[in-house]
Structure formats: structure tokens, C-alpha cells
């Protein structure tokens, strides 16, 4: 009988210790959540920041047309995505929808090939992006580190850039910005610096 009493007391003490430790963990988690609300999370940019000037480049789109930095227009949206990137796969329908809103002349979709995942060049992943975006955007394909991605200081995907005046970046980030519903939609692109 003494053993049963000792075991019951030991289990009771372990339960009390467990409650005390659980209370301490919950208190620390609440403090962390409160602190997280005060300090904004610093998300590293994977493309040029707003206000930066796009570097010089010369590239050819999938239709054979040329593009340089001087051809970029104010309000133009440039997206960078790569097949095999889960975040890009999730963003693809939104990019296609936004491209329909902007119009093909105002959207440049850059499909960044991943040499490690696609040694054959334009494999199934790239083709799927081209088929999805071709009706709604001008498309370019390139590798990370090419002239085009270097001009935008691209370090990761997904990323977007919205052009401002004079070849400068108006806004940029990893996900597309929300559009104001009352924002007037331009039908004609405005040349940068004009």
C-alpha cells in the first residue's frame, strides 16, 4: 500500500509541475505575440526597392520583340516568377487576372528558368507559364543572373516591380499590391521620362 501512495503522490507532483511549466510557456508566448505586434517584420527585398533606377538591359521577348530599359513605361507592371516555386504557382492566377486588368501592353511577365530543375531549357513548367500568360501579357524567359534579372537586382522569386517616371521603380515586393477599385485605368502606356 505504501508503494501505491508514493506513486499517486509522485504522479500528483508531476501534474503540478506540468501545470506550472505550461503556465510559464503560455505567458512567454503571449509576451512574444505582443512584442511581434509592435515591431514590423523585416522582409528582405528580392528586387529593386522603390525609388531605385532600373539598370540597363536589352532582351528579346517570346514573340521576338526587343525590350530595353528605355521601353519601360510609367505604370507598367513587371512580374518575375519561376516554375517549381510554390509561391509563384499560387501567385500565377492573380498575375494572370491582374494582367487582364492592366492589358498586355502594360504587363511584362518574366519567367525565370531554373537550370537545376529544368536542364532541357524550356521544359513543361516554363511552357505552362507561357500558355497561361501569353494571352494577357508580354512574356520573356531568362535565367537568374542574366542581363534582365541583373538590371532589376533580382535575387529571388516571386517578385514584382511597378515602374514610375524616368526608369525608376514606383513600388516593388514579393506579392502584387492591392489595387484601389476607383483607380482610373490607363489604356495607353506612358513612356518613362516623358
N, C-alpha and C. Protein backbone atom coordinates (compact mmCIF):
# COMPACT_ATOMS: atom_id res chain seq x y z
N UNK A 1 0.81 -1.19 0.00
CA UNK A 1 0.00 0.00 0.00
C UNK A 1 0.86 1.26 0.00
N UNK A 2 2.00 1.20 0.65
CA UNK A 2 2.89 2.36 0.68
C UNK A 2 3.37 2.72 -0.73
N UNK A 3 3.56 1.69 -1.57
CA UNK A 3 4.00 1.96 -2.94
C UNK A 3 2.92 2.69 -3.73
N UNK A 4 1.71 2.32 -3.57
CA UNK A 4 0.60 2.96 -4.29
C UNK A 4 0.49 4.42 -3.87
N UNK A 5 0.59 4.68 -2.58
CA UNK A 5 0.52 6.07 -2.10
C UNK A 5 1.69 6.88 -2.66
N UNK A 6 2.88 6.30 -2.67
CA UNK A 6 4.06 7.00 -3.19
C UNK A 6 3.90 7.31 -4.68
N UNK A 7 3.37 6.35 -5.43
CA UNK A 7 3.17 6.57 -6.87
C UNK A 7 2.11 7.64 -7.11
N UNK A 8 1.02 7.64 -6.37
CA UNK A 8 -0.03 8.64 -6.53
C UNK A 8 0.51 10.03 -6.19
N UNK A 9 1.30 10.13 -5.13
CA UNK A 9 1.89 11.42 -4.75
C UNK A 9 2.86 11.88 -5.84
N UNK A 10 3.67 10.96 -6.38
CA UNK A 10 4.63 11.31 -7.43
C UNK A 10 3.90 11.78 -8.69
N UNK A 11 2.85 11.09 -9.09
CA UNK A 11 2.06 11.50 -10.26
C UNK A 11 1.42 12.87 -10.00
N UNK A 12 0.91 13.09 -8.82
CA UNK A 12 0.33 14.38 -8.47
C UNK A 12 1.35 15.50 -8.57
N UNK A 13 2.56 15.26 -8.06
CA UNK A 13 3.62 16.27 -8.15
C UNK A 13 4.01 16.54 -9.60
N UNK A 14 4.08 15.50 -10.42
CA UNK A 14 4.40 15.68 -11.84
C UNK A 14 3.31 16.50 -12.55
N UNK A 15 2.07 16.26 -12.19
CA UNK A 15 0.97 17.04 -12.78
C UNK A 15 1.07 18.52 -12.39
N UNK A 16 1.37 18.79 -11.13
CA UNK A 16 1.52 20.18 -10.67
C UNK A 16 2.71 20.84 -11.39
N UNK A 17 3.82 20.12 -11.53
CA UNK A 17 4.99 20.64 -12.24
C UNK A 17 4.63 20.93 -13.71
N UNK A 18 3.90 20.02 -14.33
CA UNK A 18 3.46 20.21 -15.71
C UNK A 18 2.59 21.46 -15.85
N UNK A 19 1.68 21.69 -14.95
CA UNK A 19 0.83 22.88 -14.98
C UNK A 19 1.65 24.16 -14.84
N UNK A 20 2.62 24.15 -13.94
CA UNK A 20 3.47 25.33 -13.74
C UNK A 20 4.27 25.63 -15.00
N UNK A 21 4.87 24.60 -15.61
CA UNK A 21 5.65 24.80 -16.83
C UNK A 21 4.76 25.26 -18.00
N UNK A 22 3.58 24.69 -18.12
CA UNK A 22 2.64 25.09 -19.17
C UNK A 22 2.23 26.56 -18.99
N UNK A 23 1.98 26.96 -17.78
CA UNK A 23 1.63 28.35 -17.50
C UNK A 23 2.78 29.27 -17.92
N UNK A 24 4.01 28.89 -17.60
CA UNK A 24 5.18 29.70 -17.98
C UNK A 24 5.33 29.81 -19.49
N UNK A 25 5.12 28.72 -20.21
CA UNK A 25 5.22 28.75 -21.67
C UNK A 25 4.15 29.63 -22.26
N UNK A 26 2.94 29.52 -21.78
CA UNK A 26 1.84 30.35 -22.30
C UNK A 26 2.12 31.83 -22.05
N UNK A 27 2.64 32.15 -20.87
CA UNK A 27 2.96 33.55 -20.56
C UNK A 27 4.03 34.08 -21.52
N UNK A 28 5.07 33.30 -21.80
CA UNK A 28 6.12 33.74 -22.72
C UNK A 28 5.59 33.89 -24.14
N UNK A 29 4.75 32.99 -24.58
CA UNK A 29 4.16 33.10 -25.92
C UNK A 29 3.32 34.36 -26.05
N UNK A 30 2.56 34.70 -25.02
CA UNK A 30 1.77 35.94 -25.05
C UNK A 30 2.66 37.16 -25.14
N UNK A 31 3.79 37.15 -24.43
CA UNK A 31 4.73 38.27 -24.49
C UNK A 31 5.33 38.39 -25.89
N UNK A 32 5.67 37.26 -26.52
CA UNK A 32 6.24 37.30 -27.86
C UNK A 32 5.23 37.82 -28.87
N UNK A 33 4.00 37.40 -28.75
CA UNK A 33 2.96 37.88 -29.67
C UNK A 33 2.76 39.38 -29.49
N UNK A 34 2.77 39.86 -28.26
CA UNK A 34 2.62 41.29 -28.01
C UNK A 34 3.80 42.07 -28.58
N UNK A 35 5.01 41.54 -28.43
CA UNK A 35 6.20 42.21 -28.98
C UNK A 35 6.20 42.19 -30.50
N UNK A 36 5.72 41.11 -31.09
CA UNK A 36 5.69 41.00 -32.55
C UNK A 36 4.74 42.03 -33.15
N UNK A 37 3.69 42.38 -32.44
CA UNK A 37 2.74 43.36 -32.93
C UNK A 37 3.32 44.76 -32.96
N UNK A 38 4.33 45.04 -32.15
CA UNK A 38 4.93 46.39 -32.09
C UNK A 38 6.02 46.58 -33.14
N UNK A 39 6.75 45.52 -33.47
CA UNK A 39 7.86 45.64 -34.41
C UNK A 39 7.46 45.01 -35.74
N UNK A 40 7.51 45.79 -36.82
CA UNK A 40 7.16 45.20 -38.11
C UNK A 40 8.22 44.19 -38.53
N UNK A 41 7.76 43.13 -39.18
CA UNK A 41 8.68 42.13 -39.68
C UNK A 41 9.45 42.69 -40.86
N UNK A 42 10.73 42.47 -40.88
CA UNK A 42 11.58 42.93 -41.96
C UNK A 42 11.67 41.82 -43.01
N UNK A 43 11.00 42.00 -44.14
CA UNK A 43 11.04 41.03 -45.22
C UNK A 43 12.08 41.53 -46.22
N UNK A 44 13.10 40.74 -46.48
CA UNK A 44 14.13 41.20 -47.41
C UNK A 44 13.58 41.32 -48.83
N UNK A 45 14.00 42.36 -49.52
CA UNK A 45 13.55 42.56 -50.89
C UNK A 45 14.30 41.60 -51.81
N UNK A 46 13.60 41.11 -52.80
CA UNK A 46 14.23 40.23 -53.77
C UNK A 46 14.37 40.93 -55.12
N UNK A 47 14.10 42.24 -55.11
CA UNK A 47 14.16 43.04 -56.33
C UNK A 47 14.42 44.49 -55.91
N UNK A 48 14.71 45.37 -56.87
CA UNK A 48 14.99 46.77 -56.56
C UNK A 48 13.91 47.40 -55.67
N UNK A 49 14.32 48.26 -54.76
CA UNK A 49 13.39 48.98 -53.89
C UNK A 49 12.77 50.15 -54.65
N UNK A 50 11.67 50.65 -54.12
CA UNK A 50 11.02 51.83 -54.70
C UNK A 50 12.00 52.99 -54.71
N UNK A 51 12.03 53.72 -55.83
CA UNK A 51 12.92 54.86 -55.98
C UNK A 51 14.22 54.53 -56.70
N UNK A 52 14.58 53.26 -56.77
CA UNK A 52 15.81 52.85 -57.45
C UNK A 52 15.61 52.92 -58.95
N UNK A 53 16.70 53.11 -59.67
CA UNK A 53 16.65 53.14 -61.13
C UNK A 53 17.00 51.76 -61.68
N UNK A 54 16.22 51.31 -62.63
CA UNK A 54 16.47 50.01 -63.27
C UNK A 54 17.76 50.12 -64.07
N UNK A 55 18.59 49.12 -63.98
CA UNK A 55 19.85 49.10 -64.72
C UNK A 55 19.62 48.90 -66.21
N UNK A 56 20.63 49.18 -67.02
CA UNK A 56 20.48 49.00 -68.46
C UNK A 56 20.38 47.51 -68.82
N UNK A 57 19.56 47.20 -69.81
CA UNK A 57 19.45 45.83 -70.29
C UNK A 57 18.89 45.83 -71.70
N UNK A 58 19.07 44.74 -72.38
CA UNK A 58 18.49 44.51 -73.69
C UNK A 58 18.05 43.05 -73.71
N UNK A 59 16.78 42.81 -74.03
CA UNK A 59 16.25 41.45 -74.00
C UNK A 59 15.27 41.26 -75.15
N UNK A 60 15.00 39.99 -75.45
CA UNK A 60 14.07 39.62 -76.51
C UNK A 60 12.92 38.87 -75.87
N UNK A 61 11.67 39.24 -76.24
CA UNK A 61 10.52 38.53 -75.68
C UNK A 61 10.24 37.26 -76.47
N UNK A 62 9.23 36.51 -76.05
CA UNK A 62 8.93 35.23 -76.68
C UNK A 62 8.38 35.38 -78.10
N UNK A 63 7.97 36.58 -78.48
CA UNK A 63 7.48 36.85 -79.84
C UNK A 63 8.59 37.38 -80.73
N UNK A 64 9.79 37.57 -80.19
CA UNK A 64 10.92 38.06 -80.98
C UNK A 64 11.11 39.56 -80.90
N UNK A 65 10.29 40.25 -80.13
CA UNK A 65 10.42 41.70 -79.99
C UNK A 65 11.48 42.08 -78.97
N UNK A 66 12.17 43.17 -79.22
CA UNK A 66 13.21 43.63 -78.32
C UNK A 66 12.66 44.52 -77.22
N UNK A 67 13.38 44.58 -76.11
CA UNK A 67 13.00 45.43 -74.98
C UNK A 67 14.25 45.93 -74.31
N UNK A 68 14.28 47.24 -74.03
CA UNK A 68 15.37 47.84 -73.26
C UNK A 68 14.77 48.62 -72.11
N UNK A 69 15.63 49.14 -71.26
CA UNK A 69 15.16 49.94 -70.13
C UNK A 69 14.36 51.15 -70.61
N UNK A 70 14.75 51.74 -71.73
CA UNK A 70 14.06 52.93 -72.25
C UNK A 70 12.65 52.63 -72.72
N UNK A 71 12.33 51.34 -72.97
CA UNK A 71 10.99 50.97 -73.42
C UNK A 71 10.02 50.80 -72.26
N UNK A 72 10.50 50.76 -71.04
CA UNK A 72 9.62 50.61 -69.88
C UNK A 72 8.83 51.89 -69.68
N UNK A 73 7.55 51.74 -69.37
CA UNK A 73 6.70 52.92 -69.23
C UNK A 73 6.17 53.05 -67.81
N UNK A 74 5.82 54.27 -67.47
CA UNK A 74 5.26 54.53 -66.14
C UNK A 74 3.97 53.73 -65.96
N UNK A 75 3.83 53.10 -64.81
CA UNK A 75 2.65 52.29 -64.52
C UNK A 75 2.74 50.87 -65.02
N UNK A 76 3.80 50.54 -65.75
CA UNK A 76 3.96 49.17 -66.26
C UNK A 76 4.29 48.22 -65.11
N UNK A 77 3.69 47.04 -65.14
CA UNK A 77 3.90 46.02 -64.12
C UNK A 77 4.82 44.94 -64.68
N UNK A 78 5.89 44.66 -63.96
CA UNK A 78 6.82 43.60 -64.33
C UNK A 78 6.80 42.56 -63.23
N UNK A 79 6.50 41.31 -63.58
CA UNK A 79 6.49 40.23 -62.59
C UNK A 79 7.59 39.24 -62.92
N UNK A 80 8.18 38.67 -61.88
CA UNK A 80 9.20 37.65 -62.02
C UNK A 80 8.71 36.40 -61.30
N UNK A 81 8.59 35.30 -62.05
CA UNK A 81 8.13 34.04 -61.47
C UNK A 81 8.94 32.91 -62.07
N UNK A 82 8.92 31.76 -61.38
CA UNK A 82 9.67 30.62 -61.83
C UNK A 82 8.87 29.34 -61.62
N UNK A 83 8.82 28.46 -62.61
CA UNK A 83 8.15 27.17 -62.42
C UNK A 83 8.84 26.39 -61.31
N UNK A 84 8.07 25.67 -60.55
CA UNK A 84 8.62 24.89 -59.45
C UNK A 84 8.67 25.66 -58.14
N UNK A 85 8.39 26.94 -58.18
CA UNK A 85 8.36 27.77 -56.97
C UNK A 85 6.92 27.74 -56.45
N UNK A 86 6.68 27.18 -55.25
CA UNK A 86 5.32 27.08 -54.73
C UNK A 86 4.61 28.44 -54.61
N UNK A 87 5.32 29.46 -54.16
CA UNK A 87 4.70 30.79 -54.03
C UNK A 87 4.33 31.34 -55.41
N UNK A 88 5.16 31.06 -56.42
CA UNK A 88 4.86 31.52 -57.78
C UNK A 88 3.64 30.82 -58.32
N UNK A 89 3.53 29.52 -58.05
CA UNK A 89 2.37 28.74 -58.51
C UNK A 89 1.09 29.33 -57.92
N UNK A 90 1.13 29.71 -56.65
CA UNK A 90 -0.04 30.31 -56.01
C UNK A 90 -0.36 31.69 -56.58
N UNK A 91 0.67 32.43 -56.96
CA UNK A 91 0.51 33.80 -57.44
C UNK A 91 0.11 33.86 -58.92
N UNK A 92 0.37 32.80 -59.67
CA UNK A 92 0.13 32.79 -61.12
C UNK A 92 -1.30 33.19 -61.50
N UNK A 93 -2.36 32.64 -60.88
CA UNK A 93 -3.72 33.07 -61.26
C UNK A 93 -3.96 34.56 -61.00
N UNK A 94 -3.42 35.09 -59.90
CA UNK A 94 -3.58 36.52 -59.61
C UNK A 94 -2.84 37.37 -60.64
N UNK A 95 -1.65 36.93 -61.04
CA UNK A 95 -0.88 37.67 -62.05
C UNK A 95 -1.66 37.69 -63.36
N UNK A 96 -2.22 36.54 -63.75
CA UNK A 96 -3.00 36.48 -64.99
C UNK A 96 -4.22 37.40 -64.91
N UNK A 97 -4.90 37.40 -63.77
CA UNK A 97 -6.06 38.27 -63.59
C UNK A 97 -5.67 39.74 -63.64
N UNK A 98 -4.59 40.09 -62.94
CA UNK A 98 -4.13 41.48 -62.93
C UNK A 98 -3.68 41.90 -64.32
N UNK A 99 -3.05 40.99 -65.05
CA UNK A 99 -2.60 41.30 -66.41
C UNK A 99 -3.80 41.60 -67.32
N UNK A 100 -4.90 40.87 -67.12
CA UNK A 100 -6.11 41.16 -67.89
C UNK A 100 -6.62 42.57 -67.57
N UNK A 101 -6.53 42.98 -66.30
CA UNK A 101 -6.99 44.32 -65.90
C UNK A 101 -6.10 45.40 -66.52
N UNK A 102 -4.79 45.21 -66.45
CA UNK A 102 -3.85 46.21 -66.96
C UNK A 102 -3.84 46.25 -68.48
N UNK A 103 -3.95 45.09 -69.11
CA UNK A 103 -3.81 44.98 -70.56
C UNK A 103 -2.42 44.50 -70.91
N UNK A 104 -2.28 43.72 -71.97
CA UNK A 104 -0.99 43.10 -72.32
C UNK A 104 0.15 44.08 -72.55
N UNK A 105 -0.18 45.29 -73.03
CA UNK A 105 0.88 46.27 -73.30
C UNK A 105 1.48 46.86 -72.03
N UNK A 106 0.82 46.66 -70.89
CA UNK A 106 1.32 47.24 -69.63
C UNK A 106 1.85 46.20 -68.66
N UNK A 107 1.93 44.92 -69.08
CA UNK A 107 2.41 43.87 -68.19
C UNK A 107 3.53 43.10 -68.88
N UNK A 108 4.65 43.00 -68.19
CA UNK A 108 5.77 42.18 -68.65
C UNK A 108 5.93 41.05 -67.64
N UNK A 109 5.71 39.82 -68.09
CA UNK A 109 5.86 38.65 -67.23
C UNK A 109 7.19 38.00 -67.57
N UNK A 110 8.09 37.96 -66.60
CA UNK A 110 9.40 37.35 -66.80
C UNK A 110 9.39 35.99 -66.12
N UNK A 111 9.55 34.95 -66.93
CA UNK A 111 9.60 33.58 -66.41
C UNK A 111 11.07 33.21 -66.26
N UNK A 112 11.49 33.04 -65.01
CA UNK A 112 12.89 32.75 -64.71
C UNK A 112 13.05 31.24 -64.68
N UNK A 113 13.89 30.73 -65.60
CA UNK A 113 14.15 29.30 -65.66
C UNK A 113 15.06 28.89 -64.51
N UNK A 114 14.88 27.68 -64.05
CA UNK A 114 15.74 27.11 -63.01
C UNK A 114 16.55 26.00 -63.66
N UNK A 115 17.82 26.25 -63.89
CA UNK A 115 18.67 25.29 -64.59
C UNK A 115 18.76 23.96 -63.84
N UNK A 116 18.71 24.00 -62.52
CA UNK A 116 18.80 22.76 -61.74
C UNK A 116 17.58 21.89 -61.95
N UNK A 117 16.40 22.49 -62.09
CA UNK A 117 15.16 21.72 -62.23
C UNK A 117 14.79 21.47 -63.67
N UNK A 118 15.39 22.21 -64.59
CA UNK A 118 14.99 22.11 -65.98
C UNK A 118 16.22 22.19 -66.88
N UNK A 119 17.03 21.16 -66.92
CA UNK A 119 18.25 21.17 -67.72
C UNK A 119 17.98 21.21 -69.22
N UNK A 120 16.77 20.91 -69.62
CA UNK A 120 16.43 20.89 -71.04
C UNK A 120 16.05 22.28 -71.57
N UNK A 121 16.17 23.32 -70.79
CA UNK A 121 15.81 24.68 -71.23
C UNK A 121 14.38 24.97 -70.90
N UNK A 122 13.51 25.01 -71.92
CA UNK A 122 12.11 25.33 -71.69
C UNK A 122 11.30 24.04 -71.57
N UNK A 123 11.22 23.52 -70.38
CA UNK A 123 10.51 22.27 -70.12
C UNK A 123 9.04 22.52 -69.87
N UNK A 124 8.38 21.53 -69.32
CA UNK A 124 6.94 21.60 -69.09
C UNK A 124 6.54 22.76 -68.20
N UNK A 125 7.31 23.05 -67.15
CA UNK A 125 6.96 24.14 -66.24
C UNK A 125 6.95 25.49 -66.93
N UNK A 126 7.98 25.77 -67.72
CA UNK A 126 8.06 27.04 -68.43
C UNK A 126 6.94 27.12 -69.45
N UNK A 127 6.69 26.04 -70.18
CA UNK A 127 5.62 26.04 -71.19
C UNK A 127 4.27 26.33 -70.55
N UNK A 128 4.01 25.78 -69.37
CA UNK A 128 2.74 26.03 -68.69
C UNK A 128 2.57 27.51 -68.37
N UNK A 129 3.64 28.17 -67.92
CA UNK A 129 3.59 29.60 -67.63
C UNK A 129 3.35 30.39 -68.93
N UNK A 130 4.04 30.01 -69.99
CA UNK A 130 3.89 30.71 -71.27
C UNK A 130 2.45 30.60 -71.77
N UNK A 131 1.87 29.40 -71.69
CA UNK A 131 0.50 29.21 -72.15
C UNK A 131 -0.49 30.02 -71.31
N UNK A 132 -0.25 30.09 -70.02
CA UNK A 132 -1.18 30.80 -69.12
C UNK A 132 -1.09 32.31 -69.29
N UNK A 133 0.11 32.82 -69.54
CA UNK A 133 0.31 34.28 -69.56
C UNK A 133 0.30 34.89 -70.96
N UNK A 134 0.53 34.10 -72.00
CA UNK A 134 0.64 34.63 -73.37
C UNK A 134 -0.55 35.48 -73.80
N UNK A 135 -1.77 35.09 -73.48
CA UNK A 135 -2.90 35.92 -73.94
C UNK A 135 -3.01 37.26 -73.22
N UNK A 136 -2.40 37.40 -72.06
CA UNK A 136 -2.66 38.60 -71.26
C UNK A 136 -1.43 39.46 -70.98
N UNK A 137 -0.23 39.01 -71.37
CA UNK A 137 0.98 39.76 -71.03
C UNK A 137 2.07 39.53 -72.07
N UNK A 138 3.01 40.45 -72.10
CA UNK A 138 4.23 40.26 -72.87
C UNK A 138 5.14 39.37 -72.01
N UNK A 139 5.75 38.36 -72.61
CA UNK A 139 6.49 37.38 -71.82
C UNK A 139 7.95 37.32 -72.26
N UNK A 140 8.80 37.19 -71.26
CA UNK A 140 10.22 36.96 -71.50
C UNK A 140 10.66 35.80 -70.63
N UNK A 141 11.59 35.00 -71.14
CA UNK A 141 12.18 33.94 -70.33
C UNK A 141 13.66 34.24 -70.19
N UNK A 142 14.20 33.92 -69.03
CA UNK A 142 15.62 34.15 -68.79
C UNK A 142 16.08 33.29 -67.62
N UNK A 143 17.35 33.33 -67.36
CA UNK A 143 17.92 32.63 -66.21
C UNK A 143 18.27 33.67 -65.15
N UNK A 144 18.25 33.25 -63.90
CA UNK A 144 18.66 34.14 -62.81
C UNK A 144 20.12 34.51 -63.04
N UNK A 145 20.44 35.79 -63.00
CA UNK A 145 21.79 36.25 -63.25
C UNK A 145 21.99 36.77 -64.66
N UNK A 146 20.97 36.62 -65.54
CA UNK A 146 21.05 37.18 -66.88
C UNK A 146 20.98 38.71 -66.81
N UNK A 147 21.15 39.33 -67.96
CA UNK A 147 21.15 40.80 -68.04
C UNK A 147 19.86 41.41 -67.50
N UNK A 148 18.72 40.80 -67.82
CA UNK A 148 17.43 41.34 -67.39
C UNK A 148 17.27 41.25 -65.87
N UNK A 149 17.55 40.09 -65.29
CA UNK A 149 17.39 39.93 -63.84
C UNK A 149 18.42 40.76 -63.08
N UNK A 150 19.58 40.95 -63.66
CA UNK A 150 20.61 41.78 -63.03
C UNK A 150 20.18 43.25 -63.03
N UNK A 151 19.54 43.71 -64.11
CA UNK A 151 19.07 45.10 -64.20
C UNK A 151 18.07 45.42 -63.11
N UNK A 152 17.28 44.43 -62.69
CA UNK A 152 16.28 44.62 -61.64
C UNK A 152 16.79 44.14 -60.28
N UNK A 153 18.05 43.74 -60.19
CA UNK A 153 18.68 43.24 -58.95
C UNK A 153 17.85 42.10 -58.34
N UNK A 154 17.36 41.22 -59.19
CA UNK A 154 16.53 40.10 -58.74
C UNK A 154 17.38 39.07 -58.01
N UNK A 155 16.96 38.74 -56.80
CA UNK A 155 17.66 37.72 -56.01
C UNK A 155 16.77 36.53 -55.69
N UNK A 156 15.47 36.65 -55.94
CA UNK A 156 14.55 35.55 -55.66
C UNK A 156 13.20 35.82 -56.27
N UNK A 157 12.42 34.76 -56.37
CA UNK A 157 11.07 34.86 -56.93
C UNK A 157 10.08 34.33 -55.91
N UNK A 158 8.84 34.76 -55.96
CA UNK A 158 8.25 35.72 -56.89
C UNK A 158 8.63 37.15 -56.50
N UNK A 159 8.52 38.03 -57.47
CA UNK A 159 8.77 39.45 -57.23
C UNK A 159 8.01 40.25 -58.28
N UNK A 160 7.71 41.49 -57.95
CA UNK A 160 7.06 42.38 -58.92
C UNK A 160 7.71 43.75 -58.81
N UNK A 161 7.61 44.51 -59.89
CA UNK A 161 8.06 45.90 -59.94
C UNK A 161 6.99 46.67 -60.69
N UNK A 162 6.58 47.80 -60.14
CA UNK A 162 5.72 48.71 -60.88
C UNK A 162 6.56 49.93 -61.19
N UNK A 163 6.63 50.27 -62.47
CA UNK A 163 7.51 51.34 -62.91
C UNK A 163 6.92 52.72 -62.64
N UNK A 164 7.82 53.65 -62.33
CA UNK A 164 7.47 55.04 -62.16
C UNK A 164 8.07 55.85 -63.29
N UNK A 165 8.22 57.14 -63.06
CA UNK A 165 8.79 58.03 -64.08
C UNK A 165 10.30 57.89 -64.16
N UNK A 166 10.83 58.14 -65.33
CA UNK A 166 12.27 58.21 -65.52
C UNK A 166 13.00 56.90 -65.29
N UNK A 167 12.36 55.78 -65.52
CA UNK A 167 13.02 54.49 -65.34
C UNK A 167 13.21 54.10 -63.90
N UNK A 168 12.51 54.79 -63.00
CA UNK A 168 12.61 54.47 -61.57
C UNK A 168 11.48 53.53 -61.15
N UNK A 169 11.74 52.79 -60.10
CA UNK A 169 10.77 51.85 -59.56
C UNK A 169 9.78 52.62 -58.69
N UNK A 170 8.49 52.50 -58.96
CA UNK A 170 7.45 53.15 -58.15
C UNK A 170 7.15 52.30 -56.92
N UNK A 171 7.04 50.98 -57.10
CA UNK A 171 6.81 50.07 -55.98
C UNK A 171 7.34 48.70 -56.37
N UNK A 172 7.64 47.90 -55.36
CA UNK A 172 8.15 46.56 -55.62
C UNK A 172 7.88 45.69 -54.41
N UNK A 173 8.00 44.41 -54.60
CA UNK A 173 7.80 43.49 -53.49
C UNK A 173 7.72 42.05 -53.95
N UNK A 174 7.25 41.21 -53.04
CA UNK A 174 7.14 39.78 -53.34
C UNK A 174 5.74 39.37 -53.80
N UNK A 175 4.73 40.11 -53.39
CA UNK A 175 3.36 39.82 -53.83
C UNK A 175 2.79 41.07 -54.48
N UNK A 176 1.81 40.88 -55.32
CA UNK A 176 1.23 42.02 -56.03
C UNK A 176 0.52 42.95 -55.07
N UNK A 177 0.62 44.26 -55.30
CA UNK A 177 -0.09 45.20 -54.44
C UNK A 177 -1.59 45.15 -54.71
N UNK A 178 -2.37 45.53 -53.72
CA UNK A 178 -3.82 45.62 -53.91
C UNK A 178 -4.12 46.85 -54.73
N UNK A 179 -5.03 46.73 -55.66
CA UNK A 179 -5.42 47.87 -56.49
C UNK A 179 -6.66 48.51 -55.91
N UNK A 180 -6.68 49.83 -55.92
CA UNK A 180 -7.88 50.56 -55.50
C UNK A 180 -8.92 50.41 -56.60
N UNK A 181 -10.14 50.10 -56.22
CA UNK A 181 -11.18 49.88 -57.23
C UNK A 181 -11.53 51.16 -57.98
N UNK A 182 -11.34 52.30 -57.33
CA UNK A 182 -11.68 53.53 -58.00
C UNK A 182 -10.52 54.10 -58.81
N UNK A 183 -9.38 53.39 -58.84
CA UNK A 183 -8.21 53.87 -59.58
C UNK A 183 -8.54 53.89 -61.08
N UNK A 184 -8.28 55.02 -61.74
CA UNK A 184 -8.55 55.07 -63.18
C UNK A 184 -7.59 54.15 -63.93
N UNK A 185 -8.08 53.48 -64.93
CA UNK A 185 -7.25 52.55 -65.70
C UNK A 185 -6.80 53.24 -66.97
N UNK A 186 -5.49 53.28 -67.18
CA UNK A 186 -4.95 53.88 -68.40
C UNK A 186 -5.04 52.86 -69.52
N UNK A 187 -5.36 53.34 -70.69
CA UNK A 187 -5.38 52.45 -71.85
C UNK A 187 -4.12 52.58 -72.66
N UNK A 188 -3.43 53.69 -72.55
CA UNK A 188 -2.19 53.92 -73.28
C UNK A 188 -1.02 53.95 -72.31
N UNK A 189 0.08 53.22 -72.61
CA UNK A 189 1.23 53.30 -71.73
C UNK A 189 1.90 54.66 -71.87
N UNK A 190 2.45 55.15 -70.78
CA UNK A 190 3.16 56.42 -70.78
C UNK A 190 4.64 56.10 -70.74
N UNK A 191 5.42 56.64 -71.67
CA UNK A 191 6.85 56.37 -71.71
C UNK A 191 7.54 56.94 -70.49
N UNK A 192 8.49 56.18 -69.93
CA UNK A 192 9.25 56.65 -68.77
C UNK A 192 10.03 57.89 -69.17
N UNK A 193 10.00 58.89 -68.32
CA UNK A 193 10.74 60.13 -68.55
C UNK A 193 9.98 61.12 -69.41
N UNK A 194 8.81 60.75 -69.88
CA UNK A 194 8.04 61.65 -70.74
C UNK A 194 7.24 62.62 -69.94
